[in-house]
Amino acid sequence: MLESDVYLRMIQNREKMSKSHKKIANYLIENHETASFLTASKLAKNVKVGEATVIRFAFFLNYKGYPDLQRHLQEALQRRMTSAEVLARTTDANDTTENVVTEVLSDDIQNLKVTLNQIDPHVFEQVVHEMIAAKRIYIIAYRSATSIGGFLEFYLDLVLQNTELIHQADGVSEHLLDISKDDLVIGLGFSRYTKRTVEVLKYVKQRDAKIVVITDHLLSPLVPYADYKIVAATEINSFIDSFSAPMSIASALITALTRSEHKKVEKRLKELEGLWETFDVFYD
C-alpha cells in the first residue's frame, strides 16, 4: 500500500519538505490505516501543527487541497471501512466532548468552502433548468440521505406539484413504472453507498430519464449514471457524514428554481396561504 502514488510523493519529496511538512508526512505514513480518515483540523491537532500547514502540505504534494489528498490516502487502503471501524479510527481514548461543537462546526465550515470552490455554476444552472422542464421529478434517497431527499421533496412539490421521494425498497418498481425521458431523477448517495440507489439509477438510465446525482466524491458509484453531477464535501471526525454542504446545495437548488419561476411560485404561495389559514395550520 505504501507503494501507492500518494505515499511515493511523500517519500520522494521528503528532502524538499519543511520541518512541519516532514512531521505531517511521517505521521501519515506511520498511521496510514487511521490518518486518512482525519479531517484537516484533527490531523493538525495530532501532529501539533496549524491547520493551514496541513492544507499547504497537500498543495506541496500537488493535490488540489486537503480533501483531494485525503481521498488518495483513503483509496490507498483499497477497501471500505465499516461504521465501527471508522468510529474507532477517528476517535481517541483521550478525546473529550467539551470541544466537539467547535470541532464539528469548524469542519462543516470547511466542507462548505470546499464544496463552493469545486461546484460548477454552469452545471448548477443546467440542473435548475432540468427541474423546471421536467414533467415529473423523482428523488432517490435511502437511509441517512433520506433527510436531504425529504427536504427537497417538501419544497419542490410545494411549488411544482410534481415531485416524489422514493426511499423505501419495497414498491420502487411501481413508482418508476411509467418513468420517461420527460422526467428527472435526483439521486442522493454518500459513502457508504447503498446498492439499491445504484440499481435504481441504472434502471432509470435505461429509460432515458435525465439524472442528477448529488454525492460526496467523483469516484462515487452513482456518478457513472449521472447526466449532471454535484459533489459536496461531507467529512467530519465521526462515523456519520456531515450533511451541511449537501443540504446547502438542496437549499440553493430550491431558491434558484423559485427565483426563475417567481411569478408562478408567488401565485401558488398566495393560494396556499389562504388554504393554510382555512385549516389553521400555523401557530399564531
Protein backbone atom coordinates (compact mmCIF):
# COMPACT_ATOMS: atom_id res chain seq x y z
CA MET A 1 0.00 0.00 0.00
CA LEU A 2 2.86 2.40 0.78
CA GLU A 3 3.94 1.95 -2.82
CA SER A 4 0.86 3.88 -3.98
CA ASP A 5 1.36 7.29 -5.60
CA VAL A 6 0.34 9.36 -2.60
CA TYR A 7 2.98 7.82 -0.33
CA LEU A 8 5.62 7.77 -3.05
CA ARG A 9 5.13 11.54 -3.44
CA MET A 10 5.83 11.99 0.28
CA ILE A 11 8.91 9.81 0.20
CA GLN A 12 10.33 11.33 -2.99
CA ASN A 13 9.80 14.92 -1.83
CA ARG A 14 10.91 14.45 1.77
CA GLU A 15 14.20 16.34 1.26
CA LYS A 16 12.34 19.41 -0.05
CA MET A 17 9.93 19.49 2.89
CA SER A 18 9.93 21.97 5.73
CA LYS A 19 10.22 20.62 9.27
CA SER A 20 6.43 20.86 9.75
CA HIS A 21 5.73 19.11 6.46
CA LYS A 22 8.07 16.28 7.41
CA LYS A 23 6.15 15.85 10.67
CA ILE A 24 2.90 15.56 8.72
CA ALA A 25 4.36 13.12 6.22
CA ASN A 26 5.85 10.94 8.99
CA TYR A 27 2.52 10.88 10.82
CA LEU A 28 0.58 9.93 7.68
CA ILE A 29 2.99 7.13 6.84
CA GLU A 30 3.25 5.76 10.38
CA ASN A 31 -0.53 5.91 10.91
CA HIS A 32 -1.66 5.11 7.36
CA GLU A 33 -4.62 2.97 8.46
CA THR A 34 -6.14 5.71 10.62
CA ALA A 35 -4.81 9.06 9.44
CA SER A 36 -6.67 9.03 6.12
CA PHE A 37 -9.98 9.41 7.98
CA LEU A 38 -8.93 12.51 9.92
CA THR A 39 -10.13 15.96 8.96
CA ALA A 40 -7.52 18.66 8.40
CA SER A 41 -8.17 20.14 11.85
CA LYS A 42 -7.87 16.77 13.60
CA LEU A 43 -4.68 15.88 11.71
CA ALA A 44 -3.20 19.26 12.59
CA LYS A 45 -4.06 18.71 16.25
CA ASN A 46 -2.47 15.24 16.28
CA VAL A 47 0.70 16.40 14.55
CA LYS A 48 0.81 19.64 16.59
CA VAL A 49 0.92 21.99 13.61
CA GLY A 50 -1.51 24.60 12.32
CA GLU A 51 -4.44 23.57 10.11
CA ALA A 52 -3.15 25.95 7.42
CA THR A 53 0.12 23.99 7.42
CA VAL A 54 -1.78 20.76 6.69
CA ILE A 55 -3.57 22.44 3.78
CA ARG A 56 -0.29 23.82 2.42
CA PHE A 57 1.21 20.33 2.71
CA ALA A 58 -1.50 19.00 0.35
CA PHE A 59 -0.71 21.70 -2.20
CA PHE A 60 3.02 20.99 -1.78
CA LEU A 61 2.34 17.42 -2.94
CA ASN A 62 0.46 18.82 -5.97
CA TYR A 63 -3.02 17.91 -4.76
CA LYS A 64 -5.95 20.30 -5.20
CA GLY A 65 -6.33 20.66 -1.44
CA TYR A 66 -6.63 18.57 1.69
CA PRO A 67 -9.84 16.76 0.61
CA ASP A 68 -8.07 15.67 -2.59
CA LEU A 69 -5.08 14.40 -0.59
CA GLN A 70 -7.40 12.65 1.86
CA ARG A 71 -9.24 10.91 -0.99
CA HIS A 72 -5.97 9.49 -2.32
CA LEU A 73 -4.98 8.35 1.16
CA GLN A 74 -8.30 6.55 1.57
CA GLU A 75 -8.09 4.98 -1.88
CA ALA A 76 -4.69 3.58 -0.92
CA LEU A 77 -6.39 1.46 1.73
CA GLN A 78 -8.26 -0.28 -1.11
CA ARG A 79 -11.24 -1.32 0.96
CA ARG A 80 -14.33 0.17 2.56
CA MET A 81 -14.31 0.68 6.31
CA THR A 82 -17.33 -0.37 8.36
CA SER A 83 -19.03 2.26 10.51
CA ALA A 84 -17.49 0.71 13.62
CA GLU A 85 -14.02 0.82 12.08
CA VAL A 86 -14.38 4.45 11.05
CA LEU A 87 -15.57 5.36 14.56
CA ALA A 88 -12.59 3.56 16.10
CA ARG A 89 -10.14 5.20 13.69
CA THR A 90 -11.43 8.75 14.21
CA THR A 91 -11.85 8.64 17.99
CA ASP A 92 -9.05 8.61 20.54
CA ALA A 93 -9.42 7.23 24.04
CA ASN A 94 -8.47 10.66 25.39
CA ASP A 95 -10.98 12.59 23.27
CA THR A 96 -13.44 14.66 25.30
CA THR A 97 -16.79 16.19 24.39
CA GLU A 98 -16.06 19.74 25.55
CA ASN A 99 -14.75 20.94 22.16
CA VAL A 100 -16.87 18.76 19.90
CA VAL A 101 -19.28 21.51 18.86
CA THR A 102 -16.39 23.79 17.85
CA GLU A 103 -14.62 20.95 16.03
CA VAL A 104 -17.68 19.77 14.10
CA LEU A 105 -18.91 23.23 13.15
CA SER A 106 -15.39 24.16 12.02
CA ASP A 107 -15.30 21.04 9.85
CA ASP A 108 -18.72 21.94 8.44
CA ILE A 109 -17.45 25.41 7.53
CA GLN A 110 -14.51 23.77 5.74
CA ASN A 111 -16.89 21.38 3.92
CA LEU A 112 -18.95 24.33 2.73
CA LYS A 113 -15.84 26.14 1.49
CA VAL A 114 -14.57 23.06 -0.34
CA THR A 115 -17.99 22.48 -1.94
CA LEU A 116 -18.31 26.11 -3.01
CA ASN A 117 -14.86 26.03 -4.62
CA GLN A 118 -15.49 22.84 -6.59
CA ILE A 119 -19.07 23.37 -7.78
CA ASP A 120 -19.54 24.28 -11.44
CA PRO A 121 -22.04 27.18 -11.72
CA HIS A 122 -22.89 26.16 -15.29
CA VAL A 123 -23.82 22.63 -14.19
CA PHE A 124 -25.86 24.08 -11.33
CA GLU A 125 -27.80 26.29 -13.79
CA GLN A 126 -28.44 23.32 -16.07
CA VAL A 127 -29.83 21.30 -13.16
CA VAL A 128 -32.23 24.12 -12.28
CA HIS A 129 -33.36 24.26 -15.92
CA GLU A 130 -33.95 20.48 -15.95
CA MET A 131 -36.01 20.73 -12.74
CA ILE A 132 -38.23 23.41 -14.29
CA ALA A 133 -38.65 21.50 -17.56
CA ALA A 134 -39.32 18.05 -16.03
CA LYS A 135 -42.78 16.52 -16.29
CA ARG A 136 -42.17 14.72 -13.01
CA ILE A 137 -39.27 14.72 -10.53
CA TYR A 138 -38.31 11.57 -8.66
CA ILE A 139 -35.89 11.79 -5.74
CA ILE A 140 -33.98 8.59 -4.91
CA ALA A 141 -32.62 8.65 -1.36
CA TYR A 142 -32.10 5.81 1.08
CA ARG A 143 -31.02 5.59 4.70
CA SER A 144 -29.45 8.82 6.04
CA ALA A 145 -29.70 10.53 2.63
CA THR A 146 -33.48 10.45 3.09
CA SER A 147 -33.13 13.53 5.32
CA ILE A 148 -31.96 15.62 2.36
CA GLY A 149 -34.39 13.94 -0.02
CA GLY A 150 -37.33 14.74 2.25
CA PHE A 151 -36.31 18.39 2.42
CA LEU A 152 -36.07 18.61 -1.37
CA GLU A 153 -39.38 16.81 -1.90
CA PHE A 154 -41.29 19.04 0.53
CA TYR A 155 -40.38 22.33 -1.13
CA LEU A 156 -40.25 21.15 -4.74
CA ASP A 157 -43.65 19.51 -4.51
CA LEU A 158 -44.99 22.54 -2.66
CA VAL A 159 -44.32 24.79 -5.64
CA LEU A 160 -44.26 22.35 -8.58
CA GLN A 161 -46.75 19.66 -7.50
CA ASN A 162 -44.83 17.00 -9.43
CA THR A 163 -42.18 15.67 -7.04
CA GLU A 164 -42.00 12.28 -5.31
CA LEU A 165 -39.43 10.89 -2.87
CA ILE A 166 -38.61 7.21 -3.25
CA HIS A 167 -36.97 6.00 -0.06
CA GLN A 168 -38.49 2.59 0.57
CA ALA A 169 -37.04 -0.51 -1.07
CA ASP A 170 -40.46 -2.12 -1.45
CA GLY A 171 -42.61 -0.78 -4.25
CA VAL A 172 -39.88 1.09 -6.11
CA SER A 173 -40.78 -0.68 -9.36
CA GLU A 174 -44.40 0.52 -9.13
CA HIS A 175 -43.27 4.11 -8.54
CA LEU A 176 -40.96 4.11 -11.55
CA LEU A 177 -43.13 2.02 -13.89
CA ASP A 178 -44.12 4.96 -16.10
CA ILE A 179 -40.90 6.97 -15.93
CA SER A 180 -39.90 8.51 -19.26
CA LYS A 181 -37.38 10.78 -20.98
CA ASP A 182 -39.52 13.76 -19.92
CA ASP A 183 -38.86 13.06 -16.23
CA LEU A 184 -35.96 13.98 -13.96
CA VAL A 185 -34.39 11.79 -11.29
CA ILE A 186 -32.32 13.25 -8.46
CA GLY A 187 -30.14 10.57 -6.88
CA LEU A 188 -28.62 11.20 -3.45
CA GLY A 189 -25.89 8.94 -2.14
CA PHE A 190 -22.92 9.24 0.20
CA SER A 191 -20.31 6.81 1.46
CA ARG A 192 -21.17 4.07 2.31
CA TYR A 193 -23.36 3.99 -0.82
CA THR A 194 -26.42 1.70 -0.92
CA LYS A 195 -26.75 -0.93 -3.61
CA ARG A 196 -30.42 -0.02 -4.08
CA THR A 197 -29.57 3.56 -5.08
CA VAL A 198 -27.14 2.32 -7.73
CA GLU A 199 -29.64 -0.27 -9.02
CA VAL A 200 -32.43 2.29 -9.33
CA LEU A 201 -30.22 4.78 -11.20
CA LYS A 202 -29.09 2.01 -13.53
CA TYR A 203 -32.73 1.21 -14.34
CA VAL A 204 -33.61 4.89 -14.80
CA LYS A 205 -30.68 5.34 -17.19
CA GLN A 206 -32.13 2.61 -19.38
CA ARG A 207 -35.42 4.52 -19.53
CA ASP A 208 -33.64 7.68 -20.82
CA ALA A 209 -34.77 9.91 -17.96
CA LYS A 210 -32.38 12.73 -17.05
CA ILE A 211 -30.35 12.02 -13.89
CA VAL A 212 -28.87 14.47 -11.41
CA VAL A 213 -26.52 12.95 -8.82
CA ILE A 214 -25.64 14.69 -5.57
CA THR A 215 -22.84 12.76 -3.91
CA ASP A 216 -19.59 13.15 -1.98
CA HIS A 217 -16.97 12.02 -4.45
CA LEU A 218 -16.20 11.74 -8.15
CA LEU A 219 -15.45 8.05 -7.53
CA SER A 220 -18.95 7.52 -6.12
CA PRO A 221 -20.69 4.57 -7.83
CA LEU A 222 -23.60 6.93 -8.60
CA VAL A 223 -21.51 9.20 -10.85
CA PRO A 224 -21.39 6.92 -13.95
CA TYR A 225 -25.17 7.20 -14.30
CA ALA A 226 -25.32 11.00 -13.97
CA ASP A 227 -26.14 13.47 -16.70
CA TYR A 228 -25.30 16.15 -14.16
CA LYS A 229 -23.25 15.65 -11.01
CA ILE A 230 -22.82 17.87 -7.98
CA VAL A 231 -20.13 16.88 -5.47
CA ALA A 232 -20.49 18.04 -1.86
CA ALA A 233 -17.90 17.52 0.88
CA THR A 234 -19.16 15.52 3.88
CA GLU A 235 -16.06 14.79 6.00
CA ILE A 236 -16.11 15.13 9.79
CA ASN A 237 -14.37 13.23 12.58
CA SER A 238 -17.10 10.69 13.11
CA PHE A 239 -18.68 7.59 11.60
CA ILE A 240 -21.52 9.82 10.36
CA ASP A 241 -21.37 12.17 7.37
CA SER A 242 -21.76 15.92 7.62
CA PHE A 243 -24.77 16.94 5.53
CA SER A 244 -24.26 20.70 5.86
CA ALA A 245 -22.92 21.06 2.31
CA PRO A 246 -25.41 18.69 0.58
CA MET A 247 -28.27 20.40 2.44
CA SER A 248 -26.98 23.80 1.32
CA ILE A 249 -26.92 22.53 -2.26
CA ALA A 250 -30.56 21.46 -1.85
CA SER A 251 -31.45 24.89 -0.47
CA ALA A 252 -29.65 26.59 -3.36
CA LEU A 253 -31.50 24.49 -5.95
CA ILE A 254 -34.88 25.29 -4.40
CA THR A 255 -34.05 29.01 -4.16
CA ALA A 256 -32.74 29.20 -7.74
CA LEU A 257 -35.83 27.40 -9.07
CA THR A 258 -38.26 29.66 -7.21
CA ARG A 259 -36.43 32.78 -8.44
CA SER A 260 -36.57 31.57 -12.04
CA GLU A 261 -40.28 30.78 -11.73
CA HIS A 262 -41.11 33.53 -9.23
CA LYS A 263 -44.44 34.59 -10.81
CA LYS A 264 -45.83 31.03 -10.80
CA VAL A 265 -44.42 30.36 -7.34
CA GLU A 266 -45.79 33.61 -5.91
CA LYS A 267 -49.27 32.82 -7.25
CA ARG A 268 -49.18 29.32 -5.78
CA LEU A 269 -47.90 30.52 -2.40
CA LYS A 270 -50.71 33.08 -2.18
CA GLU A 271 -53.23 30.32 -2.87
CA LEU A 272 -51.58 28.12 -0.26
CA GLU A 273 -51.65 30.90 2.33
CA GLY A 274 -55.43 31.04 2.01
CA LEU A 275 -55.66 27.27 2.40
CA TRP A 276 -53.34 27.26 5.41
CA GLU A 277 -55.45 29.93 7.05
CA THR A 278 -58.64 27.98 6.39
CA PHE A 279 -57.20 24.88 8.03
CA ASP A 280 -55.48 26.87 10.80
CA VAL A 281 -52.08 25.27 10.02
CA PHE A 282 -49.70 27.62 11.78
CA TYR A 283 -49.45 28.73 15.39
CA ASP A 284 -50.18 32.43 15.84
